[in-house]
């Protein structure tokens, strides 16, 4: 094969997937798509094998292959030109109900050659709570409209029965249909641009090039894996609870087994599925696993099914990572994010100089829905995160989306224009980042004032009791916080809840701080001073965590040296068993 021709084709096919993503961005209606960018696009071959995935979410890395397998299982011999498929059923190829897939088969002279693929998180698909992503639902049937793999269009004709059924079961049909049209527009863009590629290369060559693009990614992945150490590593982390059984922690446990060019990611030992709606589908657990592994592989490996061939993911059915009917899964994003951090914990033992500590716990989901005085529905859905764990070579990032999400933030001004709410604060919070030679990312808080008569507030957060872990001597980040009316009642709210909110009430969410990396007493005092000057760290916390004494706007070098010497001596004293310590006042007691 001509390597230059192959490279041009590979770049072309990925450019089409990226252009699809930009089309959704430009034409969509809802803030969760145009701002959060909670969607993905891709390109599959005639058999549904993912050839290219476009911009946006790593959280969808495992989704398109699984969804395409379902389409092929149901319709392999019944796919016609002009067909368009739609689905969201988590137990038949989907992930959770708000994520709706739209697939369009692409033909040339009557022969199916490829599929254009899109998946978008829709603001509402019905169910008991506006936004369709409440963490306290206890079965899938309460979460909204469950769409089996169906034909949205058949031979170019819209399935009006299906569309009417969707319209009558969602709160914002204009928005939902607008977002579906954005997905269709992306598929039409792909169809047009792919036809130009076929005209240039011919059908036979296109098929060969798509196969080679997948095989090329597999070769690169296996070669990169071979360069990593062989062995087995395990890591355990805990989700605070599921929002139903409060205070009952949920275990995440991963074992990595790597030999040569193959890696097994085994989640055996993870807790059984739970009552609350944080159960993963297997495809989302795969996405978290792939994201973790991809983070330690070289850049430049294409995102397609070839990568997944080299990474085997195991998660027993009936666990929180692979729920079975009637598992609720609307808020499963939380578990996916936490699984990604769990992957980092295991990978940090394998590659201590390449992997970061835990971030803020993944994105917090906030939705506020209700009806105005004219009974017109409104729904605000936001996913917010912003603190990376410290890296072995640098501090964690501040105000940057979790690696698993790659999401942007809602525009404050646009949200206030479109929704009955006002933002009173959106700012970094000092003294919450985990200390270390490199500190964790600094979290932020948001204050939301509700302006309508009444609504339903639903929040999905975590890292309240099980804080983001630090690595190699780094401290854990400080926990997340939720409050109602912080300047008045200041009621502490749980990490996951659904409640009624009234006009004028204020909800405050504070992200968890990210974990630190390395010994805090090895941190450069100049870096500590910079954080104090930027009001990310108080002088008292600088002294307590880092032994750095800040006087005015400068570091007191002598006092800092004395403080650090005392802290190291105390640390060494505390590490000695109590029966062996020499008490400076009392006589030594017999063991």
Protein backbone atom coordinates (compact mmCIF):
# COMPACT_ATOMS: atom_id res chain seq x y z
CA UNK A 1 0.00 0.00 0.00
CA UNK A 2 1.16 3.50 -0.80
CA UNK A 3 1.80 4.96 2.69
CA UNK A 4 1.11 8.51 1.53
CA UNK A 5 -2.23 7.55 -0.04
CA UNK A 6 -3.15 5.67 3.16
CA UNK A 7 -2.25 8.63 5.37
CA UNK A 8 -4.34 10.95 3.22
CA UNK A 9 -7.32 8.60 3.42
CA UNK A 10 -6.96 8.15 7.20
CA UNK A 11 -6.88 11.89 7.73
CA UNK A 12 -9.85 12.31 5.41
CA UNK A 13 -12.04 9.78 7.21
CA UNK A 14 -11.22 11.29 10.62
CA UNK A 15 -11.86 14.76 9.22
CA UNK A 16 -15.34 13.63 8.19
CA UNK A 17 -16.00 12.38 11.75
CA UNK A 18 -14.75 15.71 13.11
CA UNK A 19 -16.90 17.66 10.66
CA UNK A 20 -19.89 15.66 11.88
CA UNK A 21 -19.08 16.72 15.45
CA UNK A 22 -18.82 20.37 14.43
CA UNK A 23 -22.15 20.07 12.60
CA UNK A 24 -23.85 18.92 15.79
CA UNK A 25 -22.18 21.76 17.67
CA UNK A 26 -23.42 24.36 15.18
CA UNK A 27 -26.99 23.13 14.76
CA UNK A 28 -28.07 21.68 18.11
CA UNK A 29 -30.62 23.29 20.44
CA UNK A 30 -29.80 22.23 24.01
CA UNK A 31 -27.10 23.56 26.29
CA UNK A 32 -25.93 20.08 27.25
CA UNK A 33 -24.87 19.67 23.59
CA UNK A 34 -23.88 23.15 22.42
CA UNK A 35 -22.08 23.96 25.70
CA UNK A 36 -21.19 20.73 27.50
CA UNK A 37 -20.68 19.01 24.13
CA UNK A 38 -21.97 15.72 25.55
CA UNK A 39 -22.03 13.85 22.25
CA UNK A 40 -19.83 11.89 19.85
CA UNK A 41 -19.65 11.13 16.16
CA UNK A 42 -18.06 8.33 14.24
CA UNK A 43 -17.72 6.35 11.09
CA UNK A 44 -18.16 2.57 10.80
CA UNK A 45 -17.66 0.16 7.92
CA UNK A 46 -20.41 -1.90 6.28
CA UNK A 47 -20.30 -4.47 9.10
CA UNK A 48 -20.56 -1.84 11.83
CA UNK A 49 -16.88 -1.84 12.84
CA UNK A 50 -15.80 1.57 14.09
CA UNK A 51 -13.24 3.07 11.69
CA UNK A 52 -13.02 6.62 13.07
CA UNK A 53 -14.35 8.49 16.08
CA UNK A 54 -14.58 12.26 15.96
CA UNK A 55 -14.08 15.03 18.48
CA UNK A 56 -15.66 15.33 21.93
CA UNK A 57 -16.22 12.60 24.54
CA UNK A 58 -13.80 9.79 25.51
CA UNK A 59 -16.77 8.55 27.54
CA UNK A 60 -18.27 7.28 24.30
CA UNK A 61 -15.20 5.29 23.21
CA UNK A 62 -16.88 1.95 23.74
CA UNK A 63 -20.39 2.98 22.80
CA UNK A 64 -20.55 2.96 19.00
CA UNK A 65 -19.21 -0.60 18.51
CA UNK A 66 -21.66 -1.96 21.08
CA UNK A 67 -24.60 -0.05 19.61
CA UNK A 68 -23.67 -1.05 16.06
CA UNK A 69 -23.53 -4.71 17.12
CA UNK A 70 -27.14 -4.37 18.25
CA UNK A 71 -28.21 -2.80 14.95
CA UNK A 72 -26.50 -5.56 13.00
CA UNK A 73 -28.04 -8.25 15.21
CA UNK A 74 -31.56 -6.96 14.56
CA UNK A 75 -31.29 -5.65 11.00
CA UNK A 76 -28.29 -7.18 9.21
CA UNK A 77 -30.45 -8.46 6.36
CA UNK A 78 -32.92 -5.58 6.45
CA UNK A 79 -30.83 -2.46 5.83
CA UNK A 80 -31.92 -0.43 2.83
CA UNK A 81 -30.86 2.80 1.20
CA UNK A 82 -32.63 5.71 2.92
CA UNK A 83 -32.91 3.88 6.26
CA UNK A 84 -31.92 5.68 9.47
CA UNK A 85 -31.73 3.82 12.78
CA UNK A 86 -32.42 5.14 16.27
CA UNK A 87 -31.97 3.54 19.71
CA UNK A 88 -31.15 4.22 23.36
CA UNK A 89 -31.99 0.97 25.23
CA UNK A 90 -29.16 0.31 27.72
CA UNK A 91 -29.93 -3.39 27.63
CA UNK A 92 -29.82 -3.65 23.86
CA UNK A 93 -26.71 -1.76 22.82
CA UNK A 94 -27.23 1.64 24.52
CA UNK A 95 -25.70 3.32 27.57
CA UNK A 96 -28.41 5.27 29.40
CA UNK A 97 -31.69 6.65 28.16
CA UNK A 98 -30.67 10.29 27.52
CA UNK A 99 -27.97 9.09 25.09
CA UNK A 100 -29.81 8.55 21.80
CA UNK A 101 -27.96 6.96 18.88
CA UNK A 102 -28.73 7.79 15.26
CA UNK A 103 -27.08 5.69 12.53
CA UNK A 104 -27.34 6.20 8.78
CA UNK A 105 -26.12 3.47 6.39
CA UNK A 106 -24.21 4.83 3.39
CA UNK A 107 -24.62 3.21 -0.04
CA UNK A 108 -22.98 3.40 -3.44
CA UNK A 109 -24.92 2.03 -6.40
CA UNK A 110 -27.05 -0.13 -4.13
CA UNK A 111 -24.18 -1.54 -2.06
CA UNK A 112 -23.82 -0.70 1.63
CA UNK A 113 -20.30 0.54 2.32
CA UNK A 114 -20.36 2.33 5.68
CA UNK A 115 -22.40 3.88 8.50
CA UNK A 116 -22.44 7.46 9.76
CA UNK A 117 -22.76 7.32 13.56
CA UNK A 118 -23.88 9.87 16.15
CA UNK A 119 -24.80 9.73 19.83
CA UNK A 120 -26.11 12.75 21.76
CA UNK A 121 -27.18 13.30 25.34
CA UNK A 122 -30.72 14.74 25.16
CA UNK A 123 -31.97 17.13 27.82
CA UNK A 124 -35.06 15.04 28.53
CA UNK A 125 -36.44 11.65 27.52
CA UNK A 126 -39.31 11.57 30.01
CA UNK A 127 -39.39 9.66 33.28
CA UNK A 128 -40.14 10.70 36.84
CA UNK A 129 -37.67 13.60 37.07
CA UNK A 130 -37.07 16.39 34.56
CA UNK A 131 -33.77 15.79 32.77
CA UNK A 132 -34.18 12.00 32.99
CA UNK A 133 -30.96 11.49 34.93
CA UNK A 134 -31.96 11.31 38.62
CA UNK A 135 -29.61 9.21 40.74
CA UNK A 136 -32.38 8.03 43.10
CA UNK A 137 -34.49 6.15 40.55
CA UNK A 138 -34.46 2.45 41.39
CA UNK A 139 -35.36 0.78 38.10
CA UNK A 140 -35.03 1.53 34.40
CA UNK A 141 -38.80 1.87 33.97
CA UNK A 142 -38.82 5.11 36.01
CA UNK A 143 -36.12 6.78 33.94
CA UNK A 144 -37.88 7.64 30.71
CA UNK A 145 -38.58 6.47 27.18
CA UNK A 146 -36.71 3.29 26.27
CA UNK A 147 -36.20 3.02 22.51
CA UNK A 148 -35.28 -0.38 21.11
CA UNK A 149 -33.21 -0.45 17.89
CA UNK A 150 -35.76 0.87 15.38
CA UNK A 151 -35.94 2.51 11.99
CA UNK A 152 -36.41 6.25 12.34
CA UNK A 153 -36.56 6.42 8.55
CA UNK A 154 -37.38 3.49 6.29
CA UNK A 155 -36.34 3.86 2.65
CA UNK A 156 -36.36 7.62 3.15
CA UNK A 157 -39.78 7.81 4.81
CA UNK A 158 -40.03 9.14 8.36
CA UNK A 159 -41.55 6.76 10.92
CA UNK A 160 -44.26 9.17 12.05
CA UNK A 161 -45.68 6.71 14.58
CA UNK A 162 -42.34 6.53 16.38
CA UNK A 163 -41.87 10.31 16.30
CA UNK A 164 -45.34 10.89 17.71
CA UNK A 165 -44.62 8.41 20.48
CA UNK A 166 -41.40 10.26 21.35
CA UNK A 167 -43.14 13.64 21.19
CA UNK A 168 -45.81 12.59 23.69
CA UNK A 169 -43.31 11.20 26.20
CA UNK A 170 -40.72 13.98 26.55
CA UNK A 171 -41.10 17.33 28.28
CA UNK A 172 -39.36 19.41 25.59
CA UNK A 173 -40.24 17.87 22.21
CA UNK A 174 -39.13 20.94 20.23
CA UNK A 175 -35.67 20.73 21.78
CA UNK A 176 -35.44 16.95 21.48
CA UNK A 177 -36.50 17.00 17.83
CA UNK A 178 -34.12 19.88 17.14
CA UNK A 179 -31.25 17.86 18.58
CA UNK A 180 -32.29 14.78 16.59
CA UNK A 181 -32.24 16.93 13.44
CA UNK A 182 -28.69 18.00 14.37
CA UNK A 183 -27.72 14.33 14.46
CA UNK A 184 -29.38 13.77 11.07
CA UNK A 185 -27.56 16.81 9.67
CA UNK A 186 -24.25 15.35 10.82
CA UNK A 187 -25.09 12.07 9.09
CA UNK A 188 -26.01 13.90 5.87
CA UNK A 189 -22.68 15.77 5.96
CA UNK A 190 -20.89 12.43 6.34
CA UNK A 191 -22.86 10.92 3.47
CA UNK A 192 -21.94 13.76 1.12
CA UNK A 193 -18.25 13.83 2.01
CA UNK A 194 -17.91 10.05 2.01
CA UNK A 195 -19.42 9.93 -1.49
CA UNK A 196 -16.59 12.22 -2.63
CA UNK A 197 -14.04 9.79 -1.14
CA UNK A 198 -15.69 6.86 -2.93
CA UNK A 199 -15.63 8.76 -6.22
CA UNK A 200 -11.93 9.43 -5.74
CA UNK A 201 -10.81 5.94 -4.66
CA UNK A 202 -13.47 3.51 -5.84
CA UNK A 203 -15.50 1.12 -3.72
CA UNK A 204 -12.95 -1.71 -3.61
CA UNK A 205 -10.13 0.58 -2.50
CA UNK A 206 -12.34 2.32 0.09
CA UNK A 207 -13.20 -1.00 1.72
CA UNK A 208 -9.54 -1.95 1.81
CA UNK A 209 -8.51 1.40 3.27
CA UNK A 210 -11.13 1.22 6.02
CA UNK A 211 -9.93 -2.27 7.01
CA UNK A 212 -6.35 -1.06 6.97
CA UNK A 213 -7.20 1.95 9.17
CA UNK A 214 -8.57 -0.42 11.83
CA UNK A 215 -5.64 -2.83 11.49
CA UNK A 216 -3.17 0.07 11.62
CA UNK A 217 -4.62 1.24 14.95
CA UNK A 218 -4.35 -2.30 16.31
CA UNK A 219 -0.71 -2.59 15.25
CA UNK A 220 0.18 0.72 16.86
CA UNK A 221 -1.68 -0.17 20.07
CA UNK A 222 -0.04 -3.56 20.41
CA UNK A 223 3.39 -2.10 19.71
CA UNK A 224 2.84 0.58 22.36
CA UNK A 225 1.63 -2.00 24.88
CA UNK A 226 4.72 -4.15 24.25
CA UNK A 227 6.86 -1.22 25.36
CA UNK A 228 5.15 -1.20 28.78
CA UNK A 229 6.12 -3.48 31.69
CA UNK A 230 4.51 -6.92 31.88
CA UNK A 231 2.80 -7.88 35.10
CA UNK A 232 -0.32 -7.57 37.22
CA UNK A 233 -1.55 -4.58 39.23
CA UNK A 234 -4.68 -4.03 41.34
CA UNK A 235 -6.40 -1.01 42.78
CA UNK A 236 -9.45 -0.42 44.97
CA UNK A 237 -11.56 2.71 45.35
CA UNK A 238 -15.02 3.44 46.74
CA UNK A 239 -18.08 5.40 45.67
CA UNK A 240 -19.70 7.01 48.72
CA UNK A 241 -23.18 5.55 48.10
CA UNK A 242 -25.84 5.24 45.41
CA UNK A 243 -28.19 7.97 46.65
CA UNK A 244 -30.72 5.40 47.90
CA UNK A 245 -28.83 3.37 50.49
CA UNK A 246 -27.14 6.39 52.07
CA UNK A 247 -23.81 5.74 53.70
CA UNK A 248 -23.33 2.32 52.09
CA UNK A 249 -20.07 2.50 50.12
CA UNK A 250 -19.75 0.83 46.72
CA UNK A 251 -16.52 -0.93 45.87
CA UNK A 252 -14.65 -0.45 42.61
CA UNK A 253 -11.87 -2.96 42.09
CA UNK A 254 -9.72 -3.37 38.99
CA UNK A 255 -6.97 -5.78 38.06
CA UNK A 256 -4.67 -5.01 35.14
CA UNK A 257 -2.89 -7.93 33.51
CA UNK A 258 -0.50 -7.00 30.77
CA UNK A 259 1.61 -9.33 28.65
CA UNK A 260 3.26 -8.35 25.41
CA UNK A 261 0.88 -6.48 23.14
CA UNK A 262 -2.29 -7.39 25.05
CA UNK A 263 -3.86 -5.96 28.20
CA UNK A 264 -6.74 -7.31 30.27
CA UNK A 265 -8.76 -4.89 32.39
CA UNK A 266 -10.69 -7.04 34.85
CA UNK A 267 -13.34 -5.49 37.13
CA UNK A 268 -14.11 -8.76 38.96
CA UNK A 269 -14.49 -7.86 42.63
CA UNK A 270 -16.49 -4.71 41.95
CA UNK A 271 -19.70 -4.39 44.01
CA UNK A 272 -22.98 -5.93 42.83
CA UNK A 273 -25.36 -3.60 41.03
CA UNK A 274 -27.12 -1.16 43.33
CA UNK A 275 -30.63 0.20 43.79
CA UNK A 276 -29.73 3.75 42.74
CA UNK A 277 -29.29 4.83 39.14
CA UNK A 278 -25.49 4.72 38.98
CA UNK A 279 -25.14 1.29 37.38
CA UNK A 280 -22.98 1.16 34.26
CA UNK A 281 -23.66 -0.65 31.08
CA UNK A 282 -20.68 -2.74 29.97
CA UNK A 283 -20.02 -0.36 27.07
CA UNK A 284 -19.49 2.54 29.48
CA UNK A 285 -17.18 0.46 31.67
CA UNK A 286 -15.24 -0.36 28.51
CA UNK A 287 -15.01 3.35 27.71
CA UNK A 288 -13.56 4.11 31.16
CA UNK A 289 -11.08 1.26 30.74
CA UNK A 290 -10.02 2.34 27.24
CA UNK A 291 -9.61 5.94 28.40
CA UNK A 292 -7.31 4.90 31.22
CA UNK A 293 -5.11 2.78 28.97
CA UNK A 294 -5.10 5.36 26.16
CA UNK A 295 -3.81 7.97 28.63
CA UNK A 296 -0.47 6.12 28.94
CA UNK A 297 -0.08 5.27 25.24
CA UNK A 298 1.56 7.55 22.67
CA UNK A 299 -0.42 10.15 20.83
CA UNK A 300 -1.28 9.55 17.21
CA UNK A 301 -3.02 6.19 17.56
CA UNK A 302 -6.38 6.48 15.76
CA UNK A 303 -9.51 6.04 17.88
CA UNK A 304 -11.22 3.02 16.37
CA UNK A 305 -11.97 -0.64 16.89
CA UNK A 306 -8.37 -1.66 16.31
CA UNK A 307 -7.43 -0.14 19.66
CA UNK A 308 -10.14 -2.12 21.41
CA UNK A 309 -8.90 -5.44 19.97
CA UNK A 310 -5.75 -5.12 22.07
CA UNK A 311 -7.54 -4.24 25.32
CA UNK A 312 -9.85 -6.89 26.77
CA UNK A 313 -12.36 -5.64 29.33
CA UNK A 314 -14.03 -8.03 31.78
CA UNK A 315 -16.84 -7.03 34.13
CA UNK A 316 -19.24 -9.69 35.46
CA UNK A 317 -22.96 -9.15 34.74
CA UNK A 318 -24.98 -7.99 37.71
CA UNK A 319 -22.27 -5.68 39.04
CA UNK A 320 -22.30 -1.90 39.23
CA UNK A 321 -20.07 -1.93 36.16
CA UNK A 322 -22.36 -4.18 34.12
CA UNK A 323 -25.95 -3.86 35.28
CA UNK A 324 -28.72 -6.20 34.18
CA UNK A 325 -32.48 -5.60 34.08
CA UNK A 326 -34.08 -3.80 35.83
CA UNK A 327 -30.97 -1.82 36.84
CA UNK A 328 -31.39 1.96 36.88
CA UNK A 329 -28.54 3.67 35.04
CA UNK A 330 -29.50 7.29 34.30
CA UNK A 331 -26.72 8.67 36.54
CA UNK A 332 -24.18 6.07 35.49
CA UNK A 333 -21.80 8.85 34.45
CA UNK A 334 -20.61 9.05 38.04
CA UNK A 335 -19.49 5.42 38.05
CA UNK A 336 -17.74 5.77 34.70
CA UNK A 337 -15.71 8.75 35.94
CA UNK A 338 -14.80 6.97 39.14
CA UNK A 339 -13.77 3.87 37.20
CA UNK A 340 -11.44 6.03 35.13
CA UNK A 341 -9.79 7.32 38.31
CA UNK A 342 -9.59 3.74 39.59
CA UNK A 343 -7.75 2.89 36.37
CA UNK A 344 -5.28 5.69 37.13
CA UNK A 345 -4.64 4.16 40.56
CA UNK A 346 -3.68 0.81 39.03
CA UNK A 347 -1.71 2.38 36.18
CA UNK A 348 0.22 4.53 38.68
CA UNK A 349 1.73 1.34 40.13
CA UNK A 350 2.65 0.17 36.65
CA UNK A 351 4.01 3.54 35.48
CA UNK A 352 4.67 5.77 38.53
CA UNK A 353 6.25 8.54 36.47
CA UNK A 354 3.38 8.87 33.97
CA UNK A 355 0.06 8.78 35.83
CA UNK A 356 -1.80 11.47 37.75
CA UNK A 357 -3.62 11.28 41.07
CA UNK A 358 -7.42 11.27 41.37
CA UNK A 359 -9.37 14.26 40.12
CA UNK A 360 -12.50 15.80 41.57
CA UNK A 361 -14.48 12.60 41.12
CA UNK A 362 -15.85 13.23 37.68
CA UNK A 363 -18.54 15.60 36.68
CA UNK A 364 -21.30 16.63 39.02
CA UNK A 365 -24.70 16.46 37.37
CA UNK A 366 -27.14 19.26 38.20
CA UNK A 367 -30.60 19.43 36.69
CA UNK A 368 -33.42 21.84 37.52
CA UNK A 369 -36.81 21.39 35.92
CA UNK A 370 -40.38 22.54 36.28
CA UNK A 371 -43.09 24.71 34.75
CA UNK A 372 -43.53 28.46 34.55
CA UNK A 373 -46.76 30.35 35.26
CA UNK A 374 -48.09 29.44 31.81
CA UNK A 375 -47.27 25.77 32.48
CA UNK A 376 -44.51 25.85 29.90
CA UNK A 377 -41.80 23.35 30.88
CA UNK A 378 -38.17 24.30 31.44
CA UNK A 379 -35.18 22.02 32.03
CA UNK A 380 -31.62 22.98 32.86
CA UNK A 381 -29.06 20.17 32.64
CA UNK A 382 -25.42 20.80 33.45
CA UNK A 383 -22.39 18.61 34.01
CA UNK A 384 -19.55 20.36 35.76
CA UNK A 385 -16.04 19.30 36.73
CA UNK A 386 -12.76 21.12 36.87
CA UNK A 387 -9.87 19.71 38.95
CA UNK A 388 -7.25 17.25 37.69
CA UNK A 389 -5.12 15.20 40.04
CA UNK A 390 -1.49 16.21 40.43
CA UNK A 391 0.90 14.80 37.85
CA UNK A 392 4.36 13.33 38.57
CA UNK A 393 5.90 16.34 36.84
CA UNK A 394 3.45 19.20 37.48
CA UNK A 395 0.46 20.41 39.48
CA UNK A 396 -3.02 19.22 38.60
CA UNK A 397 -4.96 21.43 36.22
CA UNK A 398 -7.38 24.01 37.63
CA UNK A 399 -10.75 24.55 35.96
CA UNK A 400 -10.17 21.86 33.36
CA UNK A 401 -12.69 19.15 32.53
CA UNK A 402 -12.05 15.56 33.62
CA UNK A 403 -10.16 13.53 31.02
CA UNK A 404 -13.15 11.19 30.61
CA UNK A 405 -15.46 14.07 29.73
CA UNK A 406 -13.58 16.70 27.72
CA UNK A 407 -16.61 18.94 28.27
CA UNK A 408 -16.89 22.70 28.02
CA UNK A 409 -18.76 24.83 30.54
CA UNK A 410 -22.14 26.47 30.03
CA UNK A 411 -22.10 30.16 29.29
CA UNK A 412 -23.38 31.96 32.39
CA UNK A 413 -24.98 34.73 30.35
CA UNK A 414 -26.75 32.40 27.92
CA UNK A 415 -27.99 30.16 30.73
CA UNK A 416 -29.41 33.12 32.65
CA UNK A 417 -31.15 34.25 29.46
CA UNK A 418 -32.64 30.83 28.71
CA UNK A 419 -33.36 29.47 32.19
CA UNK A 420 -35.11 30.79 35.33
CA UNK A 421 -31.94 31.08 37.38
CA UNK A 422 -29.14 33.40 38.29
CA UNK A 423 -25.51 32.52 39.02
CA UNK A 424 -24.22 34.32 42.08
CA UNK A 425 -20.76 32.72 42.16
CA UNK A 426 -18.47 30.72 39.90
CA UNK A 427 -15.06 30.81 41.54
CA UNK A 428 -12.12 28.79 42.79
CA UNK A 429 -12.21 27.62 46.43
CA UNK A 430 -8.98 27.86 48.44
CA UNK A 431 -7.46 25.18 50.69
CA UNK A 432 -9.20 22.21 49.03
CA UNK A 433 -6.51 20.90 46.67
CA UNK A 434 -4.56 17.87 47.88
CA UNK A 435 -1.06 18.80 49.03
CA UNK A 436 2.04 17.33 47.46
CA UNK A 437 5.32 18.06 45.77
CA UNK A 438 2.84 18.83 43.04
CA UNK A 439 -0.57 19.84 44.34
CA UNK A 440 -3.90 18.68 43.02
CA UNK A 441 -6.14 20.86 40.93
CA UNK A 442 -8.09 23.58 42.73
CA UNK A 443 -11.88 23.06 42.66
CA UNK A 444 -14.54 25.69 42.16
CA UNK A 445 -17.96 26.41 43.56
CA UNK A 446 -21.17 27.55 41.94
CA UNK A 447 -24.13 29.29 43.54
CA UNK A 448 -27.44 28.89 41.68
CA UNK A 449 -30.40 31.13 42.59
CA UNK A 450 -33.75 29.76 41.40
CA UNK A 451 -36.13 32.38 39.97
CA UNK A 452 -39.31 30.43 39.11
CA UNK A 453 -42.11 29.68 41.57
CA UNK A 454 -41.20 26.03 42.08
CA UNK A 455 -39.01 23.38 40.50
CA UNK A 456 -37.26 20.08 41.08
CA UNK A 457 -33.53 20.14 41.81
CA UNK A 458 -31.62 16.93 41.15
CA UNK A 459 -27.92 16.58 41.98
CA UNK A 460 -25.49 13.73 41.36
CA UNK A 461 -22.13 14.20 43.05
CA UNK A 462 -19.67 12.14 45.07
CA UNK A 463 -16.29 12.23 46.84
CA UNK A 464 -17.87 13.32 50.10
CA UNK A 465 -16.58 10.55 52.39
CA UNK A 466 -14.08 8.88 50.07
CA UNK A 467 -11.85 11.74 49.03
CA UNK A 468 -9.82 11.88 45.78
CA UNK A 469 -6.67 9.88 46.43
CA UNK A 470 -3.16 11.27 46.28
CA UNK A 471 -0.16 9.31 45.04
CA UNK A 472 3.35 8.65 46.36
CA UNK A 473 3.02 10.78 49.47
CA UNK A 474 0.51 13.25 48.11
CA UNK A 475 -2.51 14.11 50.25
CA UNK A 476 -6.11 13.41 49.22
CA UNK A 477 -8.22 16.32 48.03
CA UNK A 478 -10.85 17.83 50.28
CA UNK A 479 -14.43 16.54 49.93
CA UNK A 480 -17.26 17.92 47.81
CA UNK A 481 -20.02 19.96 49.44
CA UNK A 482 -23.69 20.79 48.79
CA UNK A 483 -25.66 23.50 50.62
CA UNK A 484 -29.08 25.07 50.45
CA UNK A 485 -29.27 28.81 51.15
CA UNK A 486 -25.66 29.15 52.38
CA UNK A 487 -26.16 32.70 53.71
CA UNK A 488 -29.33 31.81 55.62
CA UNK A 489 -30.25 28.28 56.65
CA UNK A 490 -26.99 26.86 55.27
CA UNK A 491 -28.51 23.38 55.26
CA UNK A 492 -26.00 20.65 54.37
CA UNK A 493 -27.36 18.47 51.57
CA UNK A 494 -26.24 14.92 50.74
CA UNK A 495 -24.07 14.20 47.73
CA UNK A 496 -27.02 12.80 45.75
CA UNK A 497 -30.58 14.01 46.12
CA UNK A 498 -33.82 15.10 44.47
CA UNK A 499 -35.80 17.88 46.14
CA UNK A 500 -38.27 20.70 45.55
CA UNK A 501 -36.73 24.15 45.26
CA UNK A 502 -38.64 27.42 45.66
CA UNK A 503 -38.26 30.91 44.23
CA UNK A 504 -35.25 32.76 45.64
CA UNK A 505 -33.57 29.69 47.13
CA UNK A 506 -29.86 29.24 46.47
CA UNK A 507 -28.10 25.95 45.84
CA UNK A 508 -24.34 25.87 46.32
CA UNK A 509 -22.14 23.09 44.97
CA UNK A 510 -18.44 22.85 45.77
CA UNK A 511 -16.36 20.36 43.82
CA UNK A 512 -13.94 18.07 45.61
CA UNK A 513 -10.29 19.04 45.46
CA UNK A 514 -7.97 16.80 43.47
CA UNK A 515 -5.29 14.58 45.00
CA UNK A 516 -1.64 15.59 45.32
CA UNK A 517 1.51 13.79 44.14
CA UNK A 518 4.71 13.38 46.14
CA UNK A 519 5.89 14.67 49.50
CA UNK A 520 4.39 18.12 50.31
CA UNK A 521 7.59 19.05 52.16
CA UNK A 522 9.46 18.81 48.85
CA UNK A 523 7.29 21.45 47.18
CA UNK A 524 9.10 24.52 45.97
CA UNK A 525 8.31 27.34 48.45
CA UNK A 526 7.99 29.71 45.49
CA UNK A 527 5.12 27.58 44.16
CA UNK A 528 3.45 27.68 47.57
CA UNK A 529 3.85 31.46 47.68
CA UNK A 530 2.32 31.78 44.22
CA UNK A 531 -0.79 29.90 45.37
CA UNK A 532 -1.05 32.09 48.48
CA UNK A 533 -0.78 35.25 46.39
CA UNK A 534 -3.45 33.92 44.01
CA UNK A 535 -5.72 33.15 46.99
CA UNK A 536 -5.78 29.44 46.18
CA UNK A 537 -4.08 28.67 49.48
CA UNK A 538 -4.24 30.42 52.85
CA UNK A 539 -1.04 31.22 54.80
CA UNK A 540 -2.23 28.95 57.61
CA UNK A 541 -2.73 26.03 55.22
CA UNK A 542 0.64 26.73 53.59
CA UNK A 543 2.31 26.29 56.95
CA UNK A 544 0.23 23.26 58.01
CA UNK A 545 0.55 21.30 54.76
CA UNK A 546 3.86 22.43 53.31
CA UNK A 547 5.79 23.87 56.23
CA UNK A 548 6.12 27.11 54.29
CA UNK A 549 5.84 30.25 56.39
CA UNK A 550 4.50 33.18 54.41
CA UNK A 551 4.99 36.59 55.96
CA UNK A 552 3.23 39.39 54.14
CA UNK A 553 3.78 38.62 50.48
CA UNK A 554 7.07 36.76 50.85
CA UNK A 555 8.38 33.44 52.15
CA UNK A 556 10.23 33.58 55.48
CA UNK A 557 13.09 31.27 54.51
CA UNK A 558 14.50 30.70 58.01
CA UNK A 559 11.10 30.07 59.58
CA UNK A 560 10.25 27.73 56.71
CA UNK A 561 13.44 25.74 57.22
CA UNK A 562 12.72 25.39 60.96
CA UNK A 563 9.08 24.46 60.32
CA UNK A 564 9.95 21.78 57.78
CA UNK A 565 12.65 20.35 60.05
CA UNK A 566 10.11 20.10 62.89
CA UNK A 567 7.51 18.48 60.60
CA UNK A 568 10.01 15.91 59.32
CA UNK A 569 11.08 15.09 62.87
CA UNK A 570 7.46 14.71 63.96
CA UNK A 571 6.77 12.52 60.93
CA UNK A 572 9.73 10.28 61.80
CA UNK A 573 8.61 10.17 65.45
CA UNK A 574 5.10 9.14 64.45
CA UNK A 575 6.47 6.37 62.25
CA UNK A 576 8.18 4.70 65.24
CA UNK A 577 6.00 2.12 67.06
CA UNK A 578 4.57 3.57 70.27
CA UNK A 579 6.33 1.01 72.49
CA UNK A 580 9.72 2.12 71.13
CA UNK A 581 9.30 5.89 71.48
CA UNK A 582 11.43 7.76 73.98
CA UNK A 583 9.14 10.19 75.75
CA UNK A 584 11.16 13.33 76.60
CA UNK A 585 9.39 13.77 79.99
CA UNK A 586 8.06 10.45 81.21
CA UNK A 587 10.26 7.42 81.74
CA UNK A 588 10.11 4.77 79.04
CA UNK A 589 7.42 2.19 79.64
CA UNK A 590 8.06 -1.48 79.26
CA UNK A 591 6.67 -3.05 76.12
